[in-house]
Amino acid sequence: MTSHPVDPYIFISDTLPSDPRFMPPLTNGLLGWRVFDRIMHMGGVYNGEGGACHRADIPCPLAVQMKPDEVGRHMYELDMRKGIFSHTVVTLHVEASQVLYTHRQHSNLLVMEVHLQRLAPSAQPITVHLESSFHPQSDDITFRKAPDYKEGRHIFGQTNSSEVPGGISPFVHMIWTPVSTSVTLPSDQSQCGWVFLVAVAETSESAQSYYQTGLELIAAGDLRPSHLSSWTELWLGSSVEVVGPETLNRALIGCMFYLLSAFPSLDESAKQFGGVSPGGLSNGGKDEDYLGHVFWDQDTWMYPGISLFYPKLAKAVLEYRIRTIDGARVNAQQMGYKVPCLVLVLCINESYENSAFFLPILLLFQGFKFPWESAVTGCDVCPDDLIVQQEIHINGDVILAFKQYFYLTQDLEMFKVERGSEVVWGVADYWVSRVTWDPANDEYQIKGVIPPDEYYTNVDNSVFTNAVAQCSLRFALELASRLSRTPPPEWQDIADKIKIPFDPELKYHPEFDGYTQGTKVKQADTVLLGYPLGMSMTPEVRQNDLEIYEGVTDPLGPAMTWGMFAVGWLELGEAEKAQELLQKCFKNIQKPFQVWSESSDGSGCVNFLTGMGGFLQAVLFGYTGFRVQKECLAFAPLLPQEVDELDVKGVCYLGNKMDWLVKSTEVSVTVRKPAAGSGNKEPDALAVVLNTGTTIPLLPGQSVTFSRQPGQIRKQISGSYCWPL
């Protein structure tokens, strides 16, 4: 059995995965590990220089498995509602349970609880063995012992090398409750419990403080309750569920759980947040799952779904990019390249004639070039120099995240005070220095790039790269206008004249100059023009793009691809076709704990948050038709036949929280009442504006229902309203 018969948030099994890579990860935005694994990781802690940089392995004291003396029935349970993994063994005389969690509220803590309960009268003590694979050693950190603290063991060390020459190598301090080889229920007791704490921090003082906090929570009986309270808050603030196929509903819940686990607590500062890598915090050691680096996956695939629910978590992603500005500037400067420049030499020596020749001139790129693979500094730590030089669409991907945040929140202070505008304008300056002017065709081109489809290198005018550059330039212009700044005229000129490859005869977008129709592609690329880029095109062109590239996309390509095809078909009103493609994603979900693999055969990155993000977007932006636009949140709901209802709770727009219920023929929207004493500014009043012209005000605490049709959520404008009959 692999699922709870009643609660879709609980996944249970009487066996563990045969491949330990698919053990469930327990993470909280700062600490992460795979259940029972001897290695854990901490956000922002890397070892190795440049391309050798990877998440530093930290030994995990909770690498413990419970072994009773008696033969018993084993049950393993992942409760996504509570963020808890448990192992229960029931024998003739005892029920032994082991509970594991990374604390959601106090993110520097990991916890293991062991509980024994006598099932039959007996005068004998009952012993359960705790087999540990923990060793306080690491290939990445040279640990030393420190004095015990409050009976907890304490080790500390510094990573062996820094990300950049002369950079800082972080310290790691870890204090933990020693785990004995066994626990015993005395003969005179019917039950007994033990709690084991792990506190991890960068300084001795911080580690001691966090460990002390854990001890105090234990004494007050609030260690697990405070963890559960934080998960309760998250699920009240965001959920996506369907009434329909159980596999679809559980897949959505699993995606939300693992994605939320990768982001920091709502209660804590996100200053330590080190971004989200494709495999999350549970993976990324040496030669493992992209080394724990941050890619465009974070900004393009994971971020959009989370930002629709939690502006604070969305802002943490932007703040991570802001903290890496200096590295992005260095990346741009290091990408300077030599070009031949015609030089005319006028000779005054009579023995030589005047002549002209080509002299190599070094051109330096301006602005910011965000790294293809990022760690802490923002300098590119990708081990492949060609990718560093050519996969530059990352710059536009970063700006798309900033734009979506601004359109959802209208938080201008993020750009005026918190350096957001510096990021946007720095990327615009980079595009200015990176484009090439083609006077013959009166257009700007971007040459020598790797598109999202990484089967091709050194191509000219990748349609996605050029389009995302255009989007980021247009947002830079918009932001300059909002902040009363005069932008360089090149921004507008390039945005207007950059080449967007298009075949007028076949009416589709070639992936790049010289692309041969029918040639295999790795993943979603050109189809991203419609969503998330929102490029204007006719339904015929959109359909042609989908059909042409669907047939040549590698079936073993990364998991997020089919979700984007599904979104495209939903745009065109083809819900059943979309669902057919979305079904392909289920091959990437590994039982029993809903852990995704990058490829459908189980290979590639595990706990593949990128694929989860793409799947979530397919439903969240596909079934609802949500589009985050400059002055509205547009919607165009459409459900496939097998889905009776879509329930989306906690959509956040202009300071409001909304709950949506989409059915086959009608839609209900409820704006929640602001929490009492929240201290937040008064949210903007909203209204539903249907494409038929009907406008319906949205009043906090009241639900409105209308027939399923496209429309927009907009700021409410004073005046009379026309209500539907």
Foldseek 3Di string as FASTA:
>chain_A
DFADPPDLQKTKDQDDDPDQLPADWAFALAKIAGALDQWIFGAQAWADEFLQIFTFTFGDLRSKDKAWPADFGWMWMQRLLQSKIKIWTDDPFKIKMWIWHQFNPLNQKTKIKIKIFTDDQDQAKTKMFIDHPTDRDGPFWHKDWDDAAPQWTKIKTWGPHDHHVPDGTFMKMKTKHHDDRMDIGHSVDRMDMDMIMMGMDRDPVRSNVSVVVCVVCVVVVRRSVNSSVQSNVVVQQWDKAFDFDSLLRSLRSLLVSLLNSNFHGPNDDLPSRWFAAQQGRNWQPGPARVSRWHALLRLAFSLPVVCQRDLVRLVSNLLQVVQQQVQQQVLQQVLWDWDWDKDWACDPPPVDHTDIDTDTDTDGFFFGQAERTHGRNRNHRNPDVQQRNAARLSLLSSLVSVVLSCLQAVPLCCVVPVVSLSSLVSSLSRVLSQWDADVVVRAIKHFFHQFVQNVDTGFIPQLQSLLSSLVSLVVNVVSCVVVVHDHDPSSVSRSVGHDRAADVVLLEGARGPPRDFPAATQADTRLCCCPPSVDDDDLVHNVSHLVRHVVRYDLFHFQLRLLSSLLSVLVVVNNVVSVVSLVSSSLQQDDSSRWGAGTSVRDHHISRSSNSSSSNCSCVCRQFVFHRDNFWTKTQHDHDPSTAWMWIWNRGGQRWTKIWIDGHWKIKIATADDDPPPPDPDGFWKWKQFPVGFIGTHDHPDMDMDTRGITTIGGDDDDDGDHDD
